[in-house]
Amino acid sequence: MKQTGWLPPVLILSVLALWEAGCRLGGLPEFILPPPSRVLRVAVWEAPRLLPHAAVTLTEILAGIGLALAVAIPLAVVMFARPALERSLAPFLIASQAIPVFALAPLLVVWLGYGLASKILMAAVIIFFPITVSLLEGLKSCDPAYRTLFRLMGAGFRQTLVRLHWPWALPYFFAGLKVGVSVATIGAVIGEWVGAQQGLGYLMIQSNARLKTDWVFAAIFYLALMGLGLWWLVGRLERRLAAWRYLSG
């Protein structure tokens, strides 16, 4: 596996080179498709103007992740403890994801205003579902033999949950959390598109209206960095809290 570690950067550089060559040789106007060199130049030289917007969006994303965790973890545990409640809530969980986010965003802006609250809630709505479902499946997937052993040893539900089910479900939880943080930018940016006064989504709308496509791509570049950074942080946290999973590797 280590021998293929050079493949991702080579593929990325190849795509960027083809993109650059296509823009240069094809003579495409920059307001239609700017070359990556132009996007990088804007991302670096205009960082003093981009970073404040990026900080706002990142704040919305982190707060949305925190809110999603605060709802998803207790909800998954309660549904695991009460299967009848899981059957009752499952349609509502699915419906929350079936509703298009573009339909929900304007309502949240009307209810909560143009500030951070509507964007945080939008991000949380998108994030909490994969975390809840993954954690619930992890709790339910525990080997019945271990559950029987804990029962024979006189362990109660809370002790079994903490010492058996939660460690067993950690890989599932982190898998769902990785999915959640990777799509967290979607909720925040859509909320900013609908109504905001700052943030990368707001900046993209304003730049697109002015045909400043290089600024739009620079904002996308910052969003991609955020997603990759959050994915990496969750991976590091997983290796610390579920280190036993990697002992054989």
Foldseek 3Di string as FASTA:
>chain_A
DVVCPCVVVVVVVVVLVVQQCCCVVVVDDVLVPNRVVLLVCCLPVVVVVQVVQLVLLLVLLVLLLVVLCVPQVVVLVVCLVPVVVCVVCVVVLVVLVVDDLLVVLVVLCVVPNQDSPSLSPQLNSQQNSLLNVLLNVQLVPFDVVVVVVCVVVPDDPVVCCVPPSVLSSLVSNLVSNLVSLLCSSVSNLSNVCNHYDGHLNVVLVVCNVVSVVSSNVSSVVSVVVSSVVSNVVSVVVCCVVNVVVVPVD
